[in-house]
C-alpha atoms as a PDB file:
ATOM      1  CA  UNK A   1       0.465   0.207  -0.220  1.00  0.00           C
ATOM      2  CA  UNK A   2       1.220   3.868  -0.808  1.00  0.00           C
ATOM      3  CA  UNK A   3       1.868   6.283   1.944  1.00  0.00           C
ATOM      4  CA  UNK A   4       0.398   9.147   0.027  1.00  0.00           C
ATOM      5  CA  UNK A   5      -2.050   9.200  -2.823  1.00  0.00           C
ATOM      6  CA  UNK A   6      -2.453  12.517  -4.929  1.00  0.00           C
ATOM      7  CA  UNK A   7      -5.332  13.659  -6.527  1.00  0.00           C
ATOM      8  CA  UNK A   8      -4.741  16.256  -9.201  1.00  0.00           C
ATOM      9  CA  UNK A   9      -7.830  18.199 -10.091  1.00  0.00           C
ATOM     10  CA  UNK A  10      -7.040  20.897 -12.778  1.00  0.00           C
ATOM     11  CA  UNK A  11      -9.969  23.566 -11.885  1.00  0.00           C
ATOM     12  CA  UNK A  12      -9.969  26.198  -9.028  1.00  0.00           C
ATOM     13  CA  UNK A  13     -10.723  24.901  -5.570  1.00  0.00           C
ATOM     14  CA  UNK A  14     -14.422  24.994  -4.852  1.00  0.00           C
ATOM     15  CA  UNK A  15     -15.312  24.165  -8.182  1.00  0.00           C
ATOM     16  CA  UNK A  16     -18.084  20.730  -8.977  1.00  0.00           C
ATOM     17  CA  UNK A  17     -14.705  18.480  -9.969  1.00  0.00           C
ATOM     18  CA  UNK A  18     -12.610  19.624  -6.786  1.00  0.00           C
ATOM     19  CA  UNK A  19     -15.566  18.701  -4.260  1.00  0.00           C
ATOM     20  CA  UNK A  20     -16.375  15.342  -6.198  1.00  0.00           C
ATOM     21  CA  UNK A  21     -12.484  14.776  -5.722  1.00  0.00           C
ATOM     22  CA  UNK A  22     -12.374  15.255  -2.419  1.00  0.00           C
ATOM     23  CA  UNK A  23     -14.957  13.743  -1.475  1.00  0.00           C
ATOM     24  CA  UNK A  24     -12.798  10.670  -3.447  1.00  0.00           C
ATOM     25  CA  UNK A  25     -10.343  11.486  -1.306  1.00  0.00           C
ATOM     26  CA  UNK A  26     -12.312  11.294   2.175  1.00  0.00           C
ATOM     27  CA  UNK A  27     -13.966   7.647   0.967  1.00  0.00           C
ATOM     28  CA  UNK A  28     -10.304   6.558   0.026  1.00  0.00           C
ATOM     29  CA  UNK A  29      -8.161   7.292   2.779  1.00  0.00           C
ATOM     30  CA  UNK A  30      -7.390   4.653   4.835  1.00  0.00           C
ATOM     31  CA  UNK A  31      -8.698   2.411   2.408  1.00  0.00           C
ATOM     32  CA  UNK A  32      -6.107   2.815  -0.506  1.00  0.00           C
ATOM     33  CA  UNK A  33      -3.574   4.207   1.565  1.00  0.00           C
ATOM     34  CA  UNK A  34      -2.868   6.146   4.648  1.00  0.00           C
ATOM     35  CA  UNK A  35      -3.491   9.543   3.049  1.00  0.00           C
ATOM     36  CA  UNK A  36      -5.236  10.759   0.144  1.00  0.00           C
ATOM     37  CA  UNK A  37      -4.498  14.356  -0.987  1.00  0.00           C
ATOM     38  CA  UNK A  38      -6.320  16.641  -3.832  1.00  0.00           C
ATOM     39  CA  UNK A  39      -3.902  18.928  -5.669  1.00  0.00           C
ATOM     40  CA  UNK A  40      -5.368  21.500  -7.401  1.00  0.00           C
ATOM     41  CA  UNK A  41      -2.989  22.608 -10.743  1.00  0.00           C
ATOM     42  CA  UNK A  42      -4.998  25.657 -12.358  1.00  0.00           C
ATOM     43  CA  UNK A  43      -3.518  27.140 -15.474  1.00  0.00           C
ATOM     44  CA  UNK A  44      -2.880  26.944 -18.914  1.00  0.00           C
ATOM     45  CA  UNK A  45      -6.290  25.246 -19.581  1.00  0.00           C
ATOM     46  CA  UNK A  46      -5.986  22.031 -17.434  1.00  0.00           C
ATOM     47  CA  UNK A  47      -2.137  21.660 -19.172  1.00  0.00           C
ATOM     48  CA  UNK A  48      -0.135  22.029 -15.806  1.00  0.00           C
ATOM     49  CA  UNK A  49      -2.341  19.478 -14.772  1.00  0.00           C
ATOM     50  CA  UNK A  50      -2.196  17.018 -17.141  1.00  0.00           C
ATOM     51  CA  UNK A  51       1.790  17.603 -17.062  1.00  0.00           C
ATOM     52  CA  UNK A  52       2.017  16.921 -13.174  1.00  0.00           C
ATOM     53  CA  UNK A  53       0.047  13.796 -14.264  1.00  0.00           C
ATOM     54  CA  UNK A  54       2.549  12.453 -16.547  1.00  0.00           C
ATOM     55  CA  UNK A  55       5.490  13.576 -14.640  1.00  0.00           C
ATOM     56  CA  UNK A  56       4.444  11.502 -11.535  1.00  0.00           C
ATOM     57  CA  UNK A  57       6.159   8.468  -9.746  1.00  0.00           C
ATOM     58  CA  UNK A  58       5.692   5.815 -11.628  1.00  0.00           C
ATOM     59  CA  UNK A  59       4.875   1.999  -9.694  1.00  0.00           C
ATOM     60  CA  UNK A  60       5.966  -0.208 -12.407  1.00  0.00           C
ATOM     61  CA  UNK A  61       2.079  -1.723 -13.267  1.00  0.00           C
END
């Protein structure tokens, strides 16, 4: 089980996708990983969020 899971959202805090991601994070915490964090990456038409996902760590699967 990983120590931390990040949910990256390409829209600002308080938007509907952000609220959904935070609801998912509270459900997943303890089930998938001890900590689940929502990280908002706003700007460049969500390209910053896409880049963050593409450059993230790989689990090898």
